[in-house]
């Protein structure tokens, strides 16, 4: 799964915590010198697609009190 990260302050742990609950999750890889993308690996394409569909459009904010607009 390819993730576009809009905010620089989004960290590996924030991505991990939102995706590790999905079956087949393996790892999150951040791209060196690129703050705007990450790769998330699952065991197979079906499991990756399930996570993608569940979180498509989901916004991670660094502060839980910040509204997702």
C-alpha atoms as a PDB file:
ATOM      1  CA  UNK A   1       0.000   0.000   0.000  1.00  0.00           C
ATOM      2  CA  UNK A   2       1.285   3.458  -0.890  1.00  0.00           C
ATOM      3  CA  UNK A   3       0.405   6.241   1.563  1.00  0.00           C
ATOM      4  CA  UNK A   4       0.501   9.941   0.858  1.00  0.00           C
ATOM      5  CA  UNK A   5       1.322  11.892   4.004  1.00  0.00           C
ATOM      6  CA  UNK A   6       0.305  15.525   3.949  1.00  0.00           C
ATOM      7  CA  UNK A   7       1.765  16.637   7.264  1.00  0.00           C
ATOM      8  CA  UNK A   8       5.477  16.411   7.976  1.00  0.00           C
ATOM      9  CA  UNK A   9       4.828  15.750  11.662  1.00  0.00           C
ATOM     10  CA  UNK A  10       3.106  12.438  11.006  1.00  0.00           C
ATOM     11  CA  UNK A  11       5.469   9.796  12.310  1.00  0.00           C
ATOM     12  CA  UNK A  12       6.036   6.103  11.761  1.00  0.00           C
ATOM     13  CA  UNK A  13       4.220   5.243  15.013  1.00  0.00           C
ATOM     14  CA  UNK A  14       1.092   7.152  14.007  1.00  0.00           C
ATOM     15  CA  UNK A  15       0.854   5.210  10.761  1.00  0.00           C
ATOM     16  CA  UNK A  16       1.707   1.937  12.486  1.00  0.00           C
ATOM     17  CA  UNK A  17      -0.956   2.362  15.186  1.00  0.00           C
ATOM     18  CA  UNK A  18      -3.670   2.922  12.593  1.00  0.00           C
ATOM     19  CA  UNK A  19      -2.733  -0.005  10.352  1.00  0.00           C
ATOM     20  CA  UNK A  20      -1.393  -2.734  12.653  1.00  0.00           C
ATOM     21  CA  UNK A  21      -4.933  -3.722  13.652  1.00  0.00           C
ATOM     22  CA  UNK A  22      -5.678  -5.004  10.147  1.00  0.00           C
ATOM     23  CA  UNK A  23      -5.108  -8.692   9.347  1.00  0.00           C
ATOM     24  CA  UNK A  24      -1.950  -9.394   7.394  1.00  0.00           C
ATOM     25  CA  UNK A  25      -0.150  -6.199   8.413  1.00  0.00           C
ATOM     26  CA  UNK A  26       3.637  -6.607   8.186  1.00  0.00           C
ATOM     27  CA  UNK A  27       5.421  -3.242   8.334  1.00  0.00           C
ATOM     28  CA  UNK A  28       5.543   0.485   7.618  1.00  0.00           C
ATOM     29  CA  UNK A  29       8.483   1.871   5.668  1.00  0.00           C
ATOM     30  CA  UNK A  30       9.140   5.591   5.458  1.00  0.00           C
ATOM     31  CA  UNK A  31      11.087   6.826   2.458  1.00  0.00           C
ATOM     32  CA  UNK A  32      14.380   8.508   3.412  1.00  0.00           C
ATOM     33  CA  UNK A  33      14.447  12.229   2.629  1.00  0.00           C
ATOM     34  CA  UNK A  34      10.736  12.190   1.759  1.00  0.00           C
ATOM     35  CA  UNK A  35       8.365  13.331   4.464  1.00  0.00           C
ATOM     36  CA  UNK A  36       5.257  12.933   2.322  1.00  0.00           C
ATOM     37  CA  UNK A  37       5.103   9.208   1.490  1.00  0.00           C
ATOM     38  CA  UNK A  38       5.276   5.808   3.149  1.00  0.00           C
ATOM     39  CA  UNK A  39       4.871   2.203   2.117  1.00  0.00           C
ATOM     40  CA  UNK A  40       2.825  -0.227   4.188  1.00  0.00           C
ATOM     41  CA  UNK A  41       3.275  -3.942   3.596  1.00  0.00           C
ATOM     42  CA  UNK A  42       0.612  -6.607   4.061  1.00  0.00           C
ATOM     43  CA  UNK A  43       0.777 -10.366   3.517  1.00  0.00           C
ATOM     44  CA  UNK A  44      -1.328 -10.161   0.382  1.00  0.00           C
ATOM     45  CA  UNK A  45      -3.185  -7.780  -1.899  1.00  0.00           C
ATOM     46  CA  UNK A  46      -6.626  -8.653  -0.493  1.00  0.00           C
ATOM     47  CA  UNK A  47      -5.581  -7.696   3.048  1.00  0.00           C
ATOM     48  CA  UNK A  48      -3.974  -4.490   1.807  1.00  0.00           C
ATOM     49  CA  UNK A  49      -7.118  -3.580  -0.112  1.00  0.00           C
ATOM     50  CA  UNK A  50      -9.297  -4.187   2.959  1.00  0.00           C
ATOM     51  CA  UNK A  51      -7.192  -1.763   5.004  1.00  0.00           C
ATOM     52  CA  UNK A  52      -7.124   0.768   2.174  1.00  0.00           C
ATOM     53  CA  UNK A  53     -10.896   0.718   1.751  1.00  0.00           C
ATOM     54  CA  UNK A  54     -11.433   1.026   5.502  1.00  0.00           C
ATOM     55  CA  UNK A  55      -9.091   3.998   5.874  1.00  0.00           C
ATOM     56  CA  UNK A  56      -9.440   5.719   2.502  1.00  0.00           C
ATOM     57  CA  UNK A  57      -9.797   9.413   3.266  1.00  0.00           C
ATOM     58  CA  UNK A  58      -9.029   8.893   6.963  1.00  0.00           C
ATOM     59  CA  UNK A  59      -6.994  11.768   8.368  1.00  0.00           C
ATOM     60  CA  UNK A  60      -4.376  11.298  11.046  1.00  0.00           C
ATOM     61  CA  UNK A  61      -3.801  14.379  13.143  1.00  0.00           C
ATOM     62  CA  UNK A  62      -0.889  14.842  15.525  1.00  0.00           C
ATOM     63  CA  UNK A  63      -3.228  16.173  18.202  1.00  0.00           C
ATOM     64  CA  UNK A  64      -6.388  14.132  18.926  1.00  0.00           C
ATOM     65  CA  UNK A  65      -8.227  17.375  19.749  1.00  0.00           C
ATOM     66  CA  UNK A  66      -7.555  18.788  16.266  1.00  0.00           C
ATOM     67  CA  UNK A  67     -10.598  18.413  14.007  1.00  0.00           C
ATOM     68  CA  UNK A  68     -10.249  16.414  10.768  1.00  0.00           C
ATOM     69  CA  UNK A  69     -11.228  18.971   8.156  1.00  0.00           C
END
